[in-house]
């Protein structure tokens, strides 16, 4: 298991500059608190401080980047993981794999945020009805694809691969990342071990209420 390397204030400052340059917006204290109140969110365990988050919105989808870095304390949480989430309205449609704070954590988080930004900017239109296609769960954990079922009986089910619209650079990065995960799982199997996905073992956030805004 790689050693834990928490990002310091200087490195995080550079990360923030790159995120803002990419068009991400840092969540203010009021926006952070407002999201909790509006969605009635309750953390799975006691968490100290306010985590720095960034958002990017386009084509009806929002990329949320959670950094584990505490704004006021100027340091990362001791125990946590980075995440990239894509939401449609108040509904999460995609969660990245959790990103452990090891060497190169911020670089990996930034790259994952850029790829998620690419996805929402290139959200495909249905070739049948020209509506935005939706992020759809695939046959296994974490897999996604784009789909549209339409609103009439004459509409054919349309699907596109999850990596639709991504740049060659992003495809190369994702292929390497996925290969590394496959190799890791293969290595564990050879040693008689199995990988239990984090989403099946972690205690989830709870939504205690949802205020109707219609």
C-alpha atoms as a PDB file:
ATOM      1  CA  UNK A   1       0.000   0.000   0.000  1.00  0.00           C
ATOM      2  CA  UNK A   2       1.519   3.378  -1.029  1.00  0.00           C
ATOM      3  CA  UNK A   3       2.388   5.745   1.806  1.00  0.00           C
ATOM      4  CA  UNK A   4      -0.037   8.538   2.696  1.00  0.00           C
ATOM      5  CA  UNK A   5       1.139  11.965   1.505  1.00  0.00           C
ATOM      6  CA  UNK A   6      -1.186  14.793   2.553  1.00  0.00           C
ATOM      7  CA  UNK A   7      -1.142  17.944   0.390  1.00  0.00           C
ATOM      8  CA  UNK A   8       0.265  21.028   2.136  1.00  0.00           C
ATOM      9  CA  UNK A   9      -1.010  24.592   1.848  1.00  0.00           C
ATOM     10  CA  UNK A  10       1.466  25.570  -0.880  1.00  0.00           C
ATOM     11  CA  UNK A  11       0.640  22.633  -3.146  1.00  0.00           C
ATOM     12  CA  UNK A  12      -3.070  23.102  -2.585  1.00  0.00           C
ATOM     13  CA  UNK A  13      -2.744  26.779  -3.510  1.00  0.00           C
ATOM     14  CA  UNK A  14      -1.291  25.770  -6.888  1.00  0.00           C
ATOM     15  CA  UNK A  15      -4.053  23.189  -7.336  1.00  0.00           C
ATOM     16  CA  UNK A  16      -6.651  25.890  -6.654  1.00  0.00           C
ATOM     17  CA  UNK A  17      -5.077  28.193  -9.247  1.00  0.00           C
ATOM     18  CA  UNK A  18      -5.233  25.456 -11.886  1.00  0.00           C
ATOM     19  CA  UNK A  19      -8.858  24.645 -11.011  1.00  0.00           C
ATOM     20  CA  UNK A  20      -9.934  28.280 -11.305  1.00  0.00           C
ATOM     21  CA  UNK A  21      -8.056  28.602 -14.603  1.00  0.00           C
ATOM     22  CA  UNK A  22     -10.053  25.589 -15.891  1.00  0.00           C
ATOM     23  CA  UNK A  23     -13.286  27.435 -15.116  1.00  0.00           C
ATOM     24  CA  UNK A  24     -14.161  25.705 -11.851  1.00  0.00           C
ATOM     25  CA  UNK A  25     -15.674  27.807  -9.102  1.00  0.00           C
ATOM     26  CA  UNK A  26     -14.731  27.382  -5.471  1.00  0.00           C
ATOM     27  CA  UNK A  27     -17.727  26.874  -3.201  1.00  0.00           C
ATOM     28  CA  UNK A  28     -18.175  29.719  -0.751  1.00  0.00           C
ATOM     29  CA  UNK A  29     -18.981  29.094   2.890  1.00  0.00           C
ATOM     30  CA  UNK A  30     -22.599  30.156   2.289  1.00  0.00           C
ATOM     31  CA  UNK A  31     -22.954  27.856  -0.753  1.00  0.00           C
ATOM     32  CA  UNK A  32     -21.434  24.945   1.153  1.00  0.00           C
ATOM     33  CA  UNK A  33     -23.789  25.434   4.122  1.00  0.00           C
ATOM     34  CA  UNK A  34     -26.743  26.128   1.830  1.00  0.00           C
ATOM     35  CA  UNK A  35     -26.310  22.795   0.046  1.00  0.00           C
ATOM     36  CA  UNK A  36     -26.378  20.966   3.383  1.00  0.00           C
ATOM     37  CA  UNK A  37     -29.502  22.810   4.528  1.00  0.00           C
ATOM     38  CA  UNK A  38     -31.333  22.524   1.189  1.00  0.00           C
ATOM     39  CA  UNK A  39     -30.677  18.808   0.814  1.00  0.00           C
ATOM     40  CA  UNK A  40     -30.846  17.973   4.502  1.00  0.00           C
ATOM     41  CA  UNK A  41     -27.465  16.231   4.303  1.00  0.00           C
ATOM     42  CA  UNK A  42     -26.013  14.439   7.303  1.00  0.00           C
ATOM     43  CA  UNK A  43     -22.411  13.172   7.284  1.00  0.00           C
ATOM     44  CA  UNK A  44     -21.841   9.452   8.037  1.00  0.00           C
ATOM     45  CA  UNK A  45     -19.504  10.356  10.909  1.00  0.00           C
ATOM     46  CA  UNK A  46     -18.271  13.409  12.781  1.00  0.00           C
ATOM     47  CA  UNK A  47     -16.116  15.504  10.437  1.00  0.00           C
ATOM     48  CA  UNK A  48     -14.033  18.491  11.418  1.00  0.00           C
ATOM     49  CA  UNK A  49     -13.817  21.721   9.425  1.00  0.00           C
ATOM     50  CA  UNK A  50     -15.253  22.835   6.086  1.00  0.00           C
ATOM     51  CA  UNK A  51     -13.835  20.972   3.123  1.00  0.00           C
ATOM     52  CA  UNK A  52     -12.850  22.989   0.056  1.00  0.00           C
ATOM     53  CA  UNK A  53     -14.978  22.071  -2.933  1.00  0.00           C
ATOM     54  CA  UNK A  54     -15.118  23.178  -6.557  1.00  0.00           C
ATOM     55  CA  UNK A  55     -17.969  23.076  -9.083  1.00  0.00           C
ATOM     56  CA  UNK A  56     -18.356  23.401 -12.843  1.00  0.00           C
ATOM     57  CA  UNK A  57     -21.783  23.478 -14.520  1.00  0.00           C
ATOM     58  CA  UNK A  58     -22.694  23.034 -18.187  1.00  0.00           C
ATOM     59  CA  UNK A  59     -25.517  21.436 -20.209  1.00  0.00           C
ATOM     60  CA  UNK A  60     -27.642  20.698 -17.147  1.00  0.00           C
ATOM     61  CA  UNK A  61     -24.900  18.769 -15.318  1.00  0.00           C
ATOM     62  CA  UNK A  62     -22.592  19.842 -12.491  1.00  0.00           C
ATOM     63  CA  UNK A  63     -19.136  18.503 -11.666  1.00  0.00           C
ATOM     64  CA  UNK A  64     -18.380  18.597  -7.923  1.00  0.00           C
ATOM     65  CA  UNK A  65     -14.785  18.106  -6.767  1.00  0.00           C
ATOM     66  CA  UNK A  66     -14.147  17.298  -3.101  1.00  0.00           C
ATOM     67  CA  UNK A  67     -10.548  17.830  -2.077  1.00  0.00           C
ATOM     68  CA  UNK A  68     -10.295  16.778   1.632  1.00  0.00           C
ATOM     69  CA  UNK A  69      -8.544  20.123   2.236  1.00  0.00           C
ATOM     70  CA  UNK A  70      -9.915  22.177   5.146  1.00  0.00           C
ATOM     71  CA  UNK A  71     -10.333  25.842   4.217  1.00  0.00           C
ATOM     72  CA  UNK A  72      -9.810  27.512   7.581  1.00  0.00           C
ATOM     73  CA  UNK A  73      -7.261  25.101   9.019  1.00  0.00           C
ATOM     74  CA  UNK A  74      -5.077  25.234   5.891  1.00  0.00           C
ATOM     75  CA  UNK A  75      -4.483  21.487   5.886  1.00  0.00           C
ATOM     76  CA  UNK A  76      -6.032  18.242   4.660  1.00  0.00           C
ATOM     77  CA  UNK A  77      -8.153  15.983   6.834  1.00  0.00           C
ATOM     78  CA  UNK A  78      -6.114  13.221   8.402  1.00  0.00           C
ATOM     79  CA  UNK A  79      -8.508  10.490   7.194  1.00  0.00           C
ATOM     80  CA  UNK A  80     -10.440  11.033   3.968  1.00  0.00           C
ATOM     81  CA  UNK A  81     -10.375  10.551   0.195  1.00  0.00           C
ATOM     82  CA  UNK A  82     -10.850  12.835  -2.780  1.00  0.00           C
ATOM     83  CA  UNK A  83     -13.904  12.488  -5.005  1.00  0.00           C
ATOM     84  CA  UNK A  84     -15.277  13.761  -8.293  1.00  0.00           C
ATOM     85  CA  UNK A  85     -19.073  13.638  -8.610  1.00  0.00           C
ATOM     86  CA  UNK A  86     -21.378  14.554 -11.498  1.00  0.00           C
ATOM     87  CA  UNK A  87     -24.910  15.594 -10.550  1.00  0.00           C
ATOM     88  CA  UNK A  88     -28.052  16.442 -12.476  1.00  0.00           C
ATOM     89  CA  UNK A  89     -30.078  18.799 -10.329  1.00  0.00           C
ATOM     90  CA  UNK A  90     -29.892  17.408  -6.804  1.00  0.00           C
ATOM     91  CA  UNK A  91     -29.299  13.827  -7.970  1.00  0.00           C
ATOM     92  CA  UNK A  92     -25.766  12.370  -8.153  1.00  0.00           C
ATOM     93  CA  UNK A  93     -25.378  10.499 -11.451  1.00  0.00           C
ATOM     94  CA  UNK A  94     -21.721   9.490 -11.270  1.00  0.00           C
ATOM     95  CA  UNK A  95     -19.113   8.994  -8.531  1.00  0.00           C
ATOM     96  CA  UNK A  96     -15.438   8.558  -9.314  1.00  0.00           C
ATOM     97  CA  UNK A  97     -13.379   5.927  -7.576  1.00  0.00           C
ATOM     98  CA  UNK A  98     -12.158   7.337  -4.234  1.00  0.00           C
ATOM     99  CA  UNK A  99      -8.722   8.927  -4.619  1.00  0.00           C
ATOM    100  CA  UNK A 100      -6.304   8.118  -1.826  1.00  0.00           C
ATOM    101  CA  UNK A 101      -3.914  10.853  -0.637  1.00  0.00           C
ATOM    102  CA  UNK A 102      -0.655   9.364  -1.870  1.00  0.00           C
ATOM    103  CA  UNK A 103       2.106  10.902  -3.970  1.00  0.00           C
ATOM    104  CA  UNK A 104       0.544  12.746  -6.911  1.00  0.00           C
ATOM    105  CA  UNK A 105      -2.930  12.952  -5.314  1.00  0.00           C
ATOM    106  CA  UNK A 106      -3.677  16.528  -6.391  1.00  0.00           C
ATOM    107  CA  UNK A 107      -2.392  15.878  -9.908  1.00  0.00           C
ATOM    108  CA  UNK A 108      -4.703  12.870 -10.237  1.00  0.00           C
ATOM    109  CA  UNK A 109      -7.653  14.765  -8.741  1.00  0.00           C
ATOM    110  CA  UNK A 110      -7.101  17.661 -11.158  1.00  0.00           C
ATOM    111  CA  UNK A 111      -6.913  15.342 -14.145  1.00  0.00           C
ATOM    112  CA  UNK A 112     -10.094  13.528 -13.065  1.00  0.00           C
ATOM    113  CA  UNK A 113     -11.864  16.882 -12.622  1.00  0.00           C
ATOM    114  CA  UNK A 114     -10.853  17.950 -16.139  1.00  0.00           C
ATOM    115  CA  UNK A 115     -12.168  14.703 -17.624  1.00  0.00           C
ATOM    116  CA  UNK A 116     -15.489  15.132 -15.798  1.00  0.00           C
ATOM    117  CA  UNK A 117     -15.642  18.690 -17.150  1.00  0.00           C
ATOM    118  CA  UNK A 118     -15.095  17.298 -20.670  1.00  0.00           C
ATOM    119  CA  UNK A 119     -17.956  14.870 -20.170  1.00  0.00           C
ATOM    120  CA  UNK A 120     -20.496  17.556 -19.238  1.00  0.00           C
ATOM    121  CA  UNK A 121     -19.299  19.950 -21.949  1.00  0.00           C
ATOM    122  CA  UNK A 122     -19.702  17.178 -24.531  1.00  0.00           C
ATOM    123  CA  UNK A 123     -22.952  15.768 -23.162  1.00  0.00           C
ATOM    124  CA  UNK A 124     -24.430  14.103 -26.257  1.00  0.00           C
ATOM    125  CA  UNK A 125     -27.756  14.859 -27.860  1.00  0.00           C
ATOM    126  CA  UNK A 126     -30.014  11.941 -28.679  1.00  0.00           C
ATOM    127  CA  UNK A 127     -29.776  11.200 -32.418  1.00  0.00           C
ATOM    128  CA  UNK A 128     -33.510  10.439 -32.414  1.00  0.00           C
ATOM    129  CA  UNK A 129     -35.179  13.290 -30.451  1.00  0.00           C
ATOM    130  CA  UNK A 130     -32.231  15.710 -29.979  1.00  0.00           C
ATOM    131  CA  UNK A 131     -32.741  15.873 -26.216  1.00  0.00           C
ATOM    132  CA  UNK A 132     -29.769  15.663 -23.873  1.00  0.00           C
ATOM    133  CA  UNK A 133     -28.893  12.042 -23.154  1.00  0.00           C
ATOM    134  CA  UNK A 134     -28.800  10.914 -19.525  1.00  0.00           C
ATOM    135  CA  UNK A 135     -26.033   9.298 -17.499  1.00  0.00           C
ATOM    136  CA  UNK A 136     -27.144   5.695 -16.990  1.00  0.00           C
ATOM    137  CA  UNK A 137     -25.841   2.973 -14.675  1.00  0.00           C
ATOM    138  CA  UNK A 138     -24.094   0.109 -16.428  1.00  0.00           C
ATOM    139  CA  UNK A 139     -24.222  -3.616 -15.664  1.00  0.00           C
ATOM    140  CA  UNK A 140     -21.482  -3.464 -13.004  1.00  0.00           C
ATOM    141  CA  UNK A 141     -20.479  -1.101 -10.218  1.00  0.00           C
ATOM    142  CA  UNK A 142     -19.112   2.263 -11.349  1.00  0.00           C
ATOM    143  CA  UNK A 143     -19.847   1.642 -15.039  1.00  0.00           C
ATOM    144  CA  UNK A 144     -21.879   4.263 -16.868  1.00  0.00           C
ATOM    145  CA  UNK A 145     -23.107   5.017 -20.371  1.00  0.00           C
ATOM    146  CA  UNK A 146     -25.254   7.659 -22.066  1.00  0.00           C
ATOM    147  CA  UNK A 147     -28.844   6.796 -22.978  1.00  0.00           C
ATOM    148  CA  UNK A 148     -32.179   8.215 -24.069  1.00  0.00           C
ATOM    149  CA  UNK A 149     -35.470   6.322 -24.036  1.00  0.00           C
ATOM    150  CA  UNK A 150     -37.593   9.216 -25.317  1.00  0.00           C
ATOM    151  CA  UNK A 151     -41.148  10.117 -24.404  1.00  0.00           C
ATOM    152  CA  UNK A 152     -43.070   8.457 -27.231  1.00  0.00           C
ATOM    153  CA  UNK A 153     -43.540   4.864 -28.397  1.00  0.00           C
ATOM    154  CA  UNK A 154     -41.968   5.747 -31.722  1.00  0.00           C
ATOM    155  CA  UNK A 155     -38.678   6.699 -30.078  1.00  0.00           C
ATOM    156  CA  UNK A 156     -35.938   4.069 -30.276  1.00  0.00           C
ATOM    157  CA  UNK A 157     -33.689   3.494 -27.259  1.00  0.00           C
ATOM    158  CA  UNK A 158     -30.420   5.250 -28.025  1.00  0.00           C
ATOM    159  CA  UNK A 159     -27.109   4.634 -26.245  1.00  0.00           C
ATOM    160  CA  UNK A 160     -23.555   5.925 -26.484  1.00  0.00           C
ATOM    161  CA  UNK A 161     -20.402   4.851 -24.631  1.00  0.00           C
ATOM    162  CA  UNK A 162     -19.432   6.705 -21.449  1.00  0.00           C
ATOM    163  CA  UNK A 163     -16.224   8.012 -23.025  1.00  0.00           C
ATOM    164  CA  UNK A 164     -18.096   9.667 -25.899  1.00  0.00           C
ATOM    165  CA  UNK A 165     -16.640  13.086 -26.742  1.00  0.00           C
ATOM    166  CA  UNK A 166     -13.463  12.784 -24.700  1.00  0.00           C
ATOM    167  CA  UNK A 167     -10.144  13.989 -26.095  1.00  0.00           C
ATOM    168  CA  UNK A 168      -7.389  11.577 -27.119  1.00  0.00           C
ATOM    169  CA  UNK A 169      -5.365  12.799 -24.133  1.00  0.00           C
ATOM    170  CA  UNK A 170      -8.153  11.884 -21.713  1.00  0.00           C
ATOM    171  CA  UNK A 171      -8.703   8.478 -23.348  1.00  0.00           C
ATOM    172  CA  UNK A 172      -5.004   7.645 -22.970  1.00  0.00           C
ATOM    173  CA  UNK A 173      -5.086   8.666 -19.287  1.00  0.00           C
ATOM    174  CA  UNK A 174      -8.219   6.588 -18.609  1.00  0.00           C
ATOM    175  CA  UNK A 175      -6.869   3.508 -20.397  1.00  0.00           C
ATOM    176  CA  UNK A 176      -3.738   3.586 -18.249  1.00  0.00           C
ATOM    177  CA  UNK A 177      -5.789   4.105 -15.088  1.00  0.00           C
ATOM    178  CA  UNK A 178      -8.182   1.266 -15.882  1.00  0.00           C
ATOM    179  CA  UNK A 179      -5.337  -1.068 -16.776  1.00  0.00           C
ATOM    180  CA  UNK A 180      -3.666  -0.334 -13.433  1.00  0.00           C
ATOM    181  CA  UNK A 181      -6.912  -1.207 -11.618  1.00  0.00           C
ATOM    182  CA  UNK A 182      -7.316  -4.445 -13.605  1.00  0.00           C
ATOM    183  CA  UNK A 183      -3.713  -5.438 -12.893  1.00  0.00           C
ATOM    184  CA  UNK A 184      -4.239  -4.721  -9.196  1.00  0.00           C
ATOM    185  CA  UNK A 185      -7.368  -6.876  -9.040  1.00  0.00           C
ATOM    186  CA  UNK A 186      -5.630  -9.671 -10.956  1.00  0.00           C
ATOM    187  CA  UNK A 187      -2.703  -9.543  -8.537  1.00  0.00           C
ATOM    188  CA  UNK A 188      -5.025  -9.828  -5.541  1.00  0.00           C
ATOM    189  CA  UNK A 189      -6.875 -12.785  -7.074  1.00  0.00           C
ATOM    190  CA  UNK A 190      -3.595 -14.620  -7.650  1.00  0.00           C
ATOM    191  CA  UNK A 191      -2.908 -14.229  -3.949  1.00  0.00           C
ATOM    192  CA  UNK A 192      -6.355 -15.478  -2.973  1.00  0.00           C
ATOM    193  CA  UNK A 193      -7.701 -12.056  -2.064  1.00  0.00           C
ATOM    194  CA  UNK A 194     -10.736 -10.186  -3.330  1.00  0.00           C
ATOM    195  CA  UNK A 195     -11.416  -6.483  -3.751  1.00  0.00           C
ATOM    196  CA  UNK A 196     -14.515  -5.168  -2.005  1.00  0.00           C
ATOM    197  CA  UNK A 197     -15.503  -1.858  -3.639  1.00  0.00           C
ATOM    198  CA  UNK A 198     -15.415   1.087  -1.256  1.00  0.00           C
ATOM    199  CA  UNK A 199     -18.991   2.016  -2.164  1.00  0.00           C
ATOM    200  CA  UNK A 200     -20.159  -1.287  -0.630  1.00  0.00           C
ATOM    201  CA  UNK A 201     -18.286  -0.855   2.653  1.00  0.00           C
ATOM    202  CA  UNK A 202     -18.326   2.859   3.414  1.00  0.00           C
ATOM    203  CA  UNK A 203     -21.122   4.337   5.501  1.00  0.00           C
ATOM    204  CA  UNK A 204     -23.095   6.600   3.152  1.00  0.00           C
ATOM    205  CA  UNK A 205     -24.197  10.191   3.561  1.00  0.00           C
ATOM    206  CA  UNK A 206     -27.837  10.508   4.581  1.00  0.00           C
ATOM    207  CA  UNK A 207     -30.445  12.843   3.101  1.00  0.00           C
ATOM    208  CA  UNK A 208     -32.822  13.655   5.932  1.00  0.00           C
ATOM    209  CA  UNK A 209     -35.075  15.953   3.936  1.00  0.00           C
ATOM    210  CA  UNK A 210     -35.507  17.457   0.504  1.00  0.00           C
ATOM    211  CA  UNK A 211     -37.152  20.845   0.199  1.00  0.00           C
ATOM    212  CA  UNK A 212     -39.491  21.047  -2.788  1.00  0.00           C
ATOM    213  CA  UNK A 213     -38.437  23.986  -4.939  1.00  0.00           C
ATOM    214  CA  UNK A 214     -41.138  23.567  -7.602  1.00  0.00           C
END
